[in-house]
Each structure stands twice: as C-alpha cells, then as structure tokens.
Protein backbone atom coordinates (compact mmCIF):
# COMPACT_ATOMS: atom_id res chain seq x y z
CA MET A 1 -6.97 98.14 -175.90
CA LEU A 2 -9.91 99.61 -173.96
CA LYS A 3 -12.20 96.88 -175.30
CA ALA A 4 -9.75 94.19 -174.13
CA ILE A 5 -9.57 95.77 -170.67
CA GLY A 6 -13.36 95.98 -170.58
CA LYS A 7 -13.71 92.29 -171.47
CA LEU A 8 -11.16 91.30 -168.82
CA PHE A 9 -12.96 93.42 -166.22
CA LYS A 10 -16.31 91.79 -167.07
CA MET A 11 -14.73 88.35 -166.87
CA ILE A 12 -13.24 89.10 -163.45
CA ILE A 13 -16.58 90.42 -162.19
CA SER A 14 -18.34 87.30 -163.53
CA VAL A 15 -15.86 85.00 -161.79
CA ILE A 16 -16.25 86.92 -158.53
CA LEU A 17 -20.04 86.72 -158.73
CA ILE A 18 -19.90 82.98 -159.43
CA LEU A 19 -17.57 82.45 -156.47
CA ILE A 20 -19.86 84.49 -154.21
CA PHE A 21 -22.87 82.45 -155.38
CA LEU A 22 -21.05 79.16 -154.77
CA ALA A 23 -19.92 80.31 -151.32
CA LEU A 24 -23.46 81.33 -150.37
CA ALA A 25 -24.83 78.04 -151.70
CA LEU A 26 -22.26 76.11 -149.66
CA ILE A 27 -23.06 78.08 -146.51
CA GLY A 28 -26.77 77.49 -147.08
CA TYR A 29 -26.23 73.77 -147.55
CA ALA A 30 -24.03 73.53 -144.46
CA HIS A 31 -26.53 75.38 -142.28
CA PHE A 32 -29.93 74.30 -143.59
CA ILE A 33 -29.51 70.96 -145.38
CA GLU A 34 -26.71 68.74 -144.08
CA PRO A 35 -27.61 69.11 -140.36
CA ASN A 36 -31.10 67.83 -141.24
CA ARG A 37 -29.89 64.75 -143.06
CA LEU A 38 -29.39 61.32 -141.47
CA THR A 39 -27.19 58.50 -142.64
CA VAL A 40 -27.22 54.96 -141.26
CA THR A 41 -23.88 53.14 -141.28
CA HIS A 42 -23.61 49.36 -140.92
CA ILE A 43 -20.38 47.76 -139.74
CA GLU A 44 -19.49 44.20 -138.73
CA ASP A 45 -17.07 42.38 -136.50
CA THR A 46 -16.44 38.69 -135.86
CA SER A 47 -15.05 37.03 -132.78
CA GLY A 48 -14.43 33.54 -131.50
CA SER A 49 -15.61 34.76 -128.10
CA MET A 50 -19.19 35.38 -129.20
CA LYS A 51 -21.77 32.62 -128.72
CA GLU A 52 -24.55 34.29 -130.71
CA SER A 53 -24.90 37.20 -133.12
CA LEU A 54 -25.57 40.56 -131.45
CA THR A 55 -26.63 43.90 -132.96
CA VAL A 56 -25.65 47.20 -131.35
CA ALA A 57 -26.90 50.63 -132.43
CA LEU A 58 -25.01 53.80 -131.53
CA PHE A 59 -25.94 57.48 -131.54
CA ALA A 60 -24.16 60.45 -130.00
CA ASP A 61 -23.85 64.21 -129.61
CA THR A 62 -27.41 65.45 -129.91
CA HIS A 63 -26.45 68.79 -128.32
CA PHE A 64 -30.10 69.70 -127.84
CA GLY A 65 -30.63 73.43 -127.57
CA PHE A 66 -27.89 74.61 -129.93
CA GLN A 67 -29.24 73.79 -133.40
CA TYR A 68 -30.60 70.26 -133.11
CA ASP A 69 -34.11 69.80 -131.75
CA LEU A 70 -36.60 67.08 -130.91
CA GLU A 71 -38.32 67.35 -134.28
CA GLN A 72 -35.06 66.44 -135.99
CA PHE A 73 -34.46 63.70 -133.41
CA GLU A 74 -37.67 61.99 -134.54
CA LYS A 75 -35.80 60.78 -137.62
CA ALA A 76 -33.36 58.89 -135.42
CA VAL A 77 -36.13 57.56 -133.17
CA ASN A 78 -38.08 56.27 -136.16
CA GLU A 79 -35.01 54.69 -137.74
CA ILE A 80 -34.17 52.85 -134.53
CA ASN A 81 -37.74 51.66 -134.08
CA GLU A 82 -37.94 50.38 -137.65
CA ASN A 83 -34.81 48.30 -137.00
CA PRO A 84 -34.60 47.70 -133.23
CA PRO A 85 -31.11 46.62 -132.14
CA ASP A 86 -30.32 44.22 -129.34
CA LEU A 87 -28.51 47.01 -127.51
CA LEU A 88 -28.92 50.77 -127.98
CA LEU A 89 -25.98 52.93 -126.90
CA PHE A 90 -25.59 56.70 -126.49
CA ALA A 91 -22.06 58.13 -126.37
CA GLY A 92 -22.85 61.37 -124.54
CA ASP A 93 -23.36 65.13 -125.04
CA LEU A 94 -27.13 65.23 -124.74
CA ILE A 95 -27.77 68.95 -124.16
CA ASP A 96 -25.32 71.54 -125.46
CA ASN A 97 -25.58 73.87 -122.45
CA LEU A 98 -28.05 73.00 -119.71
CA ASN A 99 -28.02 76.52 -118.23
CA GLU A 100 -29.15 77.97 -121.57
CA TYR A 101 -31.56 75.20 -122.55
CA SER A 102 -35.09 76.60 -122.87
CA GLY A 103 -36.85 73.33 -123.64
CA ASP A 104 -38.43 70.84 -121.27
CA PRO A 105 -36.03 67.98 -120.39
CA VAL A 106 -39.06 65.76 -119.83
CA GLU A 107 -39.73 65.91 -123.57
CA ILE A 108 -36.22 64.60 -124.21
CA SER A 109 -36.85 61.72 -121.81
CA ASN A 110 -40.13 60.97 -123.56
CA ALA A 111 -38.41 60.77 -126.94
CA LEU A 112 -35.65 58.56 -125.54
CA SER A 113 -38.21 56.28 -123.89
CA ARG A 114 -39.81 55.57 -127.27
CA MET A 115 -36.56 54.16 -128.68
CA LYS A 116 -36.72 50.37 -128.79
CA ALA A 117 -33.99 47.85 -127.99
CA ASN A 118 -34.34 44.14 -127.34
CA PHE A 119 -32.01 43.78 -124.35
CA GLY A 120 -31.30 47.25 -123.00
CA LYS A 121 -30.31 50.88 -123.51
CA TYR A 122 -27.06 52.27 -122.10
CA ALA A 123 -25.27 55.61 -122.08
CA VAL A 124 -22.11 57.32 -120.88
CA PHE A 125 -21.34 60.92 -119.97
CA GLY A 126 -19.90 63.36 -122.49
CA ASN A 127 -18.07 66.56 -121.57
CA HIS A 128 -21.21 68.66 -122.21
CA ASP A 129 -23.10 66.52 -119.70
CA TYR A 130 -20.96 67.92 -116.88
CA GLY A 131 -20.82 71.41 -115.37
CA GLY A 132 -23.32 73.53 -113.46
CA GLY A 133 -24.96 70.47 -111.97
CA ALA A 134 -25.71 69.10 -115.42
CA GLU A 135 -24.39 65.66 -114.48
CA HIS A 136 -27.26 65.09 -112.06
CA GLN A 137 -29.93 66.17 -114.52
CA TYR A 138 -28.30 64.24 -117.37
CA GLU A 139 -28.53 60.97 -115.49
CA ASP A 140 -32.13 61.70 -114.48
CA ILE A 141 -33.11 62.46 -118.09
CA MET A 142 -31.43 59.33 -119.42
CA ASN A 143 -32.85 57.10 -116.68
CA ALA A 144 -36.35 58.44 -117.34
CA GLY A 145 -35.78 57.58 -121.00
CA GLY A 146 -34.95 53.99 -120.12
CA PHE A 147 -31.16 54.31 -120.39
CA GLN A 148 -28.76 53.07 -117.74
CA VAL A 149 -25.80 55.45 -117.45
CA LEU A 150 -22.51 53.61 -117.01
CA VAL A 151 -19.76 55.36 -115.04
CA ASN A 152 -16.67 53.16 -115.29
CA GLU A 153 -18.98 50.17 -115.03
CA THR A 154 -19.40 46.81 -116.69
CA VAL A 155 -22.49 44.91 -117.81
CA THR A 156 -22.23 41.28 -118.90
CA PHE A 157 -24.49 39.31 -121.21
CA LYS A 158 -23.57 35.72 -120.44
CA ASP A 159 -25.79 34.14 -123.09
CA TYR A 160 -23.72 35.97 -125.70
CA ASN A 161 -20.39 35.89 -123.84
CA PHE A 162 -20.38 39.66 -124.25
CA ARG A 163 -19.16 42.40 -121.92
CA LEU A 164 -20.13 46.08 -122.21
CA ILE A 165 -17.81 48.55 -120.47
CA GLY A 166 -18.94 52.16 -120.11
CA ILE A 167 -16.22 54.73 -119.40
CA ASP A 168 -16.96 58.12 -117.88
CA ASP A 169 -16.03 61.32 -119.72
CA LEU A 170 -12.28 61.84 -119.81
CA LEU A 171 -12.17 65.63 -120.23
CA ILE A 172 -14.35 66.85 -117.35
CA GLY A 173 -15.59 63.67 -115.73
CA TYR A 174 -13.86 60.80 -114.00
CA GLY A 175 -12.94 58.48 -116.84
CA ASP A 176 -10.97 55.49 -115.60
CA PRO A 177 -9.30 53.45 -118.36
CA SER A 178 -8.09 50.92 -115.78
CA VAL A 179 -11.61 49.45 -115.82
CA VAL A 180 -10.96 48.49 -119.43
CA ASN A 181 -7.44 47.27 -118.76
CA ARG A 182 -8.70 44.91 -116.06
CA ALA A 183 -11.22 43.17 -118.33
CA GLY A 184 -10.28 39.60 -119.17
CA SER A 185 -10.15 37.93 -122.57
CA ASP A 186 -12.87 35.44 -121.63
CA MET A 187 -15.60 37.54 -123.31
CA TYR A 188 -16.03 39.92 -126.22
CA ASN A 189 -15.25 43.35 -124.73
CA LEU A 190 -17.04 46.38 -126.17
CA VAL A 191 -16.08 49.75 -124.69
CA LEU A 192 -18.49 52.68 -124.89
CA CYS A 193 -16.91 56.08 -124.29
CA HIS A 194 -17.33 59.69 -125.39
CA GLU A 195 -13.83 60.64 -126.53
CA PRO A 196 -12.25 58.29 -129.12
CA ASP A 197 -8.62 59.08 -128.35
CA ILE A 198 -8.99 57.32 -125.00
CA VAL A 199 -8.26 54.19 -127.03
CA GLU A 200 -4.57 55.17 -126.83
CA LYS A 201 -4.75 54.44 -123.09
CA VAL A 202 -6.07 50.90 -123.53
CA LEU A 203 -4.07 49.59 -126.49
CA ALA A 204 -2.64 46.76 -124.38
CA SER A 205 -6.07 45.72 -123.08
CA ASN A 206 -8.42 42.97 -124.25
CA THR A 207 -10.70 45.48 -125.97
CA ASP A 208 -12.33 43.99 -129.06
CA CYS A 209 -14.30 47.08 -130.02
CA MET A 210 -14.61 50.69 -128.90
CA LEU A 211 -17.50 52.98 -129.86
CA ALA A 212 -17.23 56.74 -129.41
CA GLY A 213 -18.51 60.13 -130.53
CA HIS A 214 -17.31 63.63 -129.49
CA THR A 215 -15.79 64.78 -132.81
CA HIS A 216 -19.00 65.15 -134.86
CA GLY A 217 -16.96 63.60 -137.66
CA GLY A 218 -15.08 66.90 -137.89
CA GLN A 219 -18.43 68.76 -138.29
CA ILE A 220 -16.94 71.25 -140.80
CA ARG A 221 -14.57 69.30 -143.01
CA ILE A 222 -12.55 71.97 -144.77
CA PRO A 223 -8.78 71.70 -145.37
CA PHE A 224 -6.71 73.63 -142.80
CA TYR A 225 -9.83 74.30 -140.70
CA THR A 226 -11.06 70.94 -139.46
CA GLU A 227 -7.87 70.29 -137.50
CA ASP A 228 -8.39 73.50 -135.49
CA PHE A 229 -12.05 72.63 -134.84
CA LEU A 230 -11.38 69.19 -133.39
CA PRO A 231 -11.78 68.87 -129.61
CA SER A 232 -9.27 67.47 -127.12
CA TYR A 233 -9.16 63.66 -127.13
CA GLY A 234 -10.76 63.73 -130.57
CA GLU A 235 -7.85 64.85 -132.70
CA LYS A 236 -6.35 61.54 -133.86
CA TYR A 237 -9.45 59.42 -134.49
CA VAL A 238 -12.04 61.67 -136.10
CA LYS A 239 -14.59 59.81 -138.18
CA GLY A 240 -15.62 56.31 -139.10
CA GLU A 241 -13.93 52.93 -138.76
CA TYR A 242 -10.39 52.20 -137.61
CA ARG A 243 -8.76 48.79 -137.18
CA LEU A 244 -5.92 49.33 -134.74
CA ASP A 245 -2.55 47.67 -135.10
CA ASN A 246 -2.40 46.39 -131.55
CA GLY A 247 -2.35 42.85 -130.19
CA ASN A 248 -6.14 42.58 -130.18
CA GLN A 249 -6.72 44.26 -133.56
CA THR A 250 -9.26 46.51 -131.82
CA LEU A 251 -12.11 47.86 -133.93
CA LEU A 252 -12.68 51.56 -133.18
CA TYR A 253 -15.68 53.36 -134.60
CA VAL A 254 -16.18 57.12 -134.23
CA ASN A 255 -19.80 58.12 -134.81
CA SER A 256 -20.38 61.54 -136.42
CA GLY A 257 -23.16 62.42 -133.97
CA LEU A 258 -26.51 64.06 -134.63
CA GLY A 259 -26.24 67.68 -133.49
CA THR A 260 -23.78 70.55 -133.75
CA THR A 261 -21.85 72.82 -131.40
CA LYS A 262 -19.88 76.08 -131.73
CA LEU A 263 -21.17 76.57 -135.29
CA PRO A 264 -24.73 75.76 -136.44
CA ALA A 265 -23.54 73.91 -139.53
CA ARG A 266 -22.17 70.64 -140.87
CA LEU A 267 -20.14 70.05 -144.00
CA GLY A 268 -18.86 66.63 -145.02
CA ALA A 269 -20.03 65.11 -141.74
CA VAL A 270 -23.65 64.00 -142.15
CA PRO A 271 -25.51 63.17 -138.89
CA GLU A 272 -25.23 59.46 -138.26
CA LEU A 273 -26.63 56.36 -136.65
CA THR A 274 -24.32 53.35 -136.51
CA TYR A 275 -25.33 49.68 -136.45
CA LEU A 276 -22.68 47.17 -135.42
CA THR A 277 -23.34 43.46 -135.92
CA ILE A 278 -21.01 41.14 -134.01
CA GLN A 279 -20.95 37.59 -135.35
CA PRO A 280 -19.41 34.44 -133.87
CA ASP A 281 -16.30 33.37 -135.75
CA ALA A 282 -17.13 29.96 -137.20
CA SER A 283 -13.53 29.17 -138.17
C-alpha cells in the first residue's frame, strides 16, 4: 500500500514538474522568440475598376518604446526594400507612449525614410498616436520619414483608377466614416484605418478593400483570455482576411502588427507585413 502511494506521489510530482517546465518554455517563447519573428503574408484582390496591377504593402503597431525597437524594425525595413511595393501603408500606433519614450524620434524617421515604395508612402493615426501632444510629433516623425499622414483624406491614382482613403483614429481621434461613404464606385476604393471594426460603419459604401491594424492579431491567443485582451473597435475582426457579406463583397484585412503593448509577449500572433496585389478583372 505504501509503495503504491509512493509511486502515485512520484507520478504526480513528475507531472507537475513537466507542466511547470512547459509553462516556463511557453512563457520564454512568447517573450523572447515570437516577438522577434516576422511573417510576410500575400493576399490578392481583383476588380473590374482597376486599369493596371498595383501592389500595396502594409505594416502597423510598432509601439516603439514598449518592447519593440529599431533593431527589430530593421527586419521589416529590409523585407520592404527587397520587395518594394507600389504603395507602402502604415496603419498607426508608432510609439507606445510618447511621454515615456527614451529614444530619439529622429532615428525612427531615419528608419522610415529608408523604406522604399514606387509611388508613395502613407499613414493614418492610431489611438497611441494621440494624447499629450503626441499627434503633432507623430505627424512630424512620419513626414520626416517620407510618409504623408491622411486624416479623413483621399488620394487618387488616375492611371490605375485607384482611390486611397485614409481615416483618422476612431477611438481618440476624429475618424469620419462619411468620407468613405461619399466615395463613388468609379474607382477601386481602398480604405486605410487603424481600427478594423470601423468597417461596420461603412458596409453600405463602395469600399472594395479595407486595411487595418490595432488588434495585434490578438497578441496573446489563449482561449478565454484573448477576448478580454482585445481593444475597443477591434473585437469582431481580429486577425487576417475577411470577405464581408455586403453589397460590395468588401475585402477586410487585419494586420497583426509588429510590436506589443500591455504585455511584452506574443503567442499565436507572429509580427506581420502584408502585401496586397490588386489585379484588373479580365472577365
């Protein structure tokens, strides 16, 4: 009897030790490994509105100063420069907290300025780009890096019959979905915004595609936890590609971002660059 109890006790201790080891390994991976990875996702769309093929690259949520730094950002810079897109887009949240950022913003601008794009680089505000005067410095940093910041503004590329609409942050900024709703169906309409759930406000519009960030792909994808971690306006559309069941069959893509916030870890949400190729519909 005592021997049986002793064996059971040893087995329980062994199981506990294995579980502790696995938990520590998972924590180590989530903190040290996954945040330093980079995945490149390629998606496609076709449209009868397009005159020529156009390639768009998207990155988001660097949150410089929390865990992510410029050394890690070099991976993204190099990837973009090895495969320069026609348009390079940033979906906001550049610095996690400007008041606590100890780095030199000029170095961020320098890194951004080295990113290549054939026709232009554009950005929108995220919620972390507002507050404490951050909005003024954010625009200065992005402009110095060669990015035009769109605040409820439209840019047209007539040779491609393509319209880019940049919406301001919806949480803290002055996001105005009516800019999207006023866009005609005469061109391919791509909406760049920070929060993906804004798409619910433009379902009846002529939006062909919406690109967003904000959610970090869930950042920590654990059952019963991820839902509580998700931010406002990022709770329904969390990660990856969605084809909406609206009149325009809008393509929504939610980029997982590059950095982290709240917790210095990622699990099941590898940092991401997204390439979208939009082809003319030959049919």
